[in-house]
Amino acid sequence: AALVGWTLLTPAEGGDELIEIGEITDFMDIPNNPCIEVETENGAVMIPLHEDFILSIDPENQEIIMQIPAGLL
């Protein structure tokens, strides 16, 4: 529940820019596969909160930057 209300960002392809995916609305502590639910412009999406996908976490600004695998958004 610590991440609820945070903003999820992902790097733009081939660039240094960040794209805002949406707001994290839920955290599901699924054994061996914790997921976050993110409210995007296309509706709610579940994304695995896997350490390999997390690029950085910014508690001060409540932002998490993740490399999101193709097909999840």
C-alpha atoms as a PDB file:
ATOM      1  CA  ALA A   1       0.000   0.000   0.000  1.00  0.00           C
ATOM      2  CA  ALA A   2       3.055   2.224   0.268  1.00  0.00           C
ATOM      3  CA  LEU A   3       3.031   2.962  -3.470  1.00  0.00           C
ATOM      4  CA  VAL A   4      -0.679   3.785  -3.828  1.00  0.00           C
ATOM      5  CA  GLY A   5      -1.032   7.341  -5.074  1.00  0.00           C
ATOM      6  CA  TRP A   6       2.447   7.382  -6.604  1.00  0.00           C
ATOM      7  CA  THR A   7       3.064   8.128 -10.279  1.00  0.00           C
ATOM      8  CA  LEU A   8       4.468   5.437 -12.570  1.00  0.00           C
ATOM      9  CA  LEU A   9       6.888   6.615 -15.257  1.00  0.00           C
ATOM     10  CA  THR A  10       8.776   4.784 -17.991  1.00  0.00           C
ATOM     11  CA  PRO A  11      11.653   5.915 -20.223  1.00  0.00           C
ATOM     12  CA  ALA A  12      10.746   6.870 -23.783  1.00  0.00           C
ATOM     13  CA  GLU A  13      12.215   4.578 -26.422  1.00  0.00           C
ATOM     14  CA  GLY A  14      15.757   5.588 -27.253  1.00  0.00           C
ATOM     15  CA  GLY A  15      15.580   8.798 -25.276  1.00  0.00           C
ATOM     16  CA  ASP A  16      16.159  10.328 -21.890  1.00  0.00           C
ATOM     17  CA  GLU A  17      12.590  11.563 -21.611  1.00  0.00           C
ATOM     18  CA  LEU A  18      10.136   9.968 -19.217  1.00  0.00           C
ATOM     19  CA  ILE A  19       6.567   9.078 -20.153  1.00  0.00           C
ATOM     20  CA  GLU A  20       3.919   9.211 -17.434  1.00  0.00           C
ATOM     21  CA  ILE A  21       1.977   5.945 -17.430  1.00  0.00           C
ATOM     22  CA  GLY A  22      -0.479   6.850 -14.693  1.00  0.00           C
ATOM     23  CA  GLU A  23      -1.251   6.733 -10.994  1.00  0.00           C
ATOM     24  CA  ILE A  24      -0.762   3.609  -8.931  1.00  0.00           C
ATOM     25  CA  THR A  25      -4.164   2.735  -7.493  1.00  0.00           C
ATOM     26  CA  ASP A  26      -3.506  -0.636  -5.857  1.00  0.00           C
ATOM     27  CA  PHE A  27      -0.781  -3.015  -4.696  1.00  0.00           C
ATOM     28  CA  MET A  28      -1.392  -6.751  -4.808  1.00  0.00           C
ATOM     29  CA  ASP A  29       0.995  -8.832  -2.731  1.00  0.00           C
ATOM     30  CA  ILE A  30       0.748 -11.989  -4.813  1.00  0.00           C
ATOM     31  CA  PRO A  31       3.263 -14.614  -3.595  1.00  0.00           C
ATOM     32  CA  ASN A  32       6.385 -14.526  -5.807  1.00  0.00           C
ATOM     33  CA  ASN A  33       4.700 -11.976  -8.107  1.00  0.00           C
ATOM     34  CA  PRO A  34       3.715  -8.705  -6.426  1.00  0.00           C
ATOM     35  CA  CYS A  35       1.813  -6.438  -8.817  1.00  0.00           C
ATOM     36  CA  ILE A  36       0.728  -2.840  -8.963  1.00  0.00           C
ATOM     37  CA  GLU A  37      -2.466  -1.645 -10.566  1.00  0.00           C
ATOM     38  CA  VAL A  38      -2.059   1.561 -12.544  1.00  0.00           C
ATOM     39  CA  GLU A  39      -4.845   3.779 -13.837  1.00  0.00           C
ATOM     40  CA  THR A  40      -3.795   4.674 -17.395  1.00  0.00           C
ATOM     41  CA  GLU A  41      -5.575   6.685 -20.067  1.00  0.00           C
ATOM     42  CA  ASN A  42      -6.757   3.323 -21.436  1.00  0.00           C
ATOM     43  CA  GLY A  43      -8.014   1.981 -18.115  1.00  0.00           C
ATOM     44  CA  ALA A  44      -6.533  -0.019 -15.253  1.00  0.00           C
ATOM     45  CA  VAL A  45      -3.474  -2.174 -15.970  1.00  0.00           C
ATOM     46  CA  MET A  46      -1.706  -4.684 -13.711  1.00  0.00           C
ATOM     47  CA  ILE A  47       2.086  -4.572 -13.868  1.00  0.00           C
ATOM     48  CA  PRO A  48       4.419  -7.011 -12.083  1.00  0.00           C
ATOM     49  CA  LEU A  49       6.493  -5.153  -9.506  1.00  0.00           C
ATOM     50  CA  HIS A  50       9.639  -7.094 -10.353  1.00  0.00           C
ATOM     51  CA  GLU A  51      13.028  -5.776  -9.264  1.00  0.00           C
ATOM     52  CA  ASP A  52      14.376  -6.273 -12.812  1.00  0.00           C
ATOM     53  CA  PHE A  53      11.824  -3.747 -14.109  1.00  0.00           C
ATOM     54  CA  ILE A  54      12.413  -1.056 -11.464  1.00  0.00           C
ATOM     55  CA  LEU A  55      14.915   1.565 -12.602  1.00  0.00           C
ATOM     56  CA  SER A  56      14.510   4.037  -9.747  1.00  0.00           C
ATOM     57  CA  ILE A  57      12.249   4.988  -6.874  1.00  0.00           C
ATOM     58  CA  ASP A  58      11.833   8.616  -5.809  1.00  0.00           C
ATOM     59  CA  PRO A  59      10.066   8.763  -2.430  1.00  0.00           C
ATOM     60  CA  GLU A  60      10.350  12.563  -2.255  1.00  0.00           C
ATOM     61  CA  ASN A  61       8.286  13.047  -5.422  1.00  0.00           C
ATOM     62  CA  GLN A  62       6.377   9.765  -5.001  1.00  0.00           C
ATOM     63  CA  GLU A  63       7.464   8.509  -8.408  1.00  0.00           C
ATOM     64  CA  ILE A  64       8.635   5.109  -9.549  1.00  0.00           C
ATOM     65  CA  ILE A  65      10.412   4.627 -12.866  1.00  0.00           C
ATOM     66  CA  MET A  66      10.083   1.193 -14.422  1.00  0.00           C
ATOM     67  CA  GLN A  67      11.134  -0.421 -17.688  1.00  0.00           C
ATOM     68  CA  ILE A  68       7.801  -1.990 -18.592  1.00  0.00           C
ATOM     69  CA  PRO A  69       7.972  -5.075 -20.849  1.00  0.00           C
ATOM     70  CA  ALA A  70       6.311  -4.742 -24.243  1.00  0.00           C
ATOM     71  CA  GLY A  71       2.709  -5.851 -24.287  1.00  0.00           C
ATOM     72  CA  LEU A  72       1.846  -4.898 -20.728  1.00  0.00           C
ATOM     73  CA  LEU A  73       0.459  -1.465 -21.552  1.00  0.00           C
END
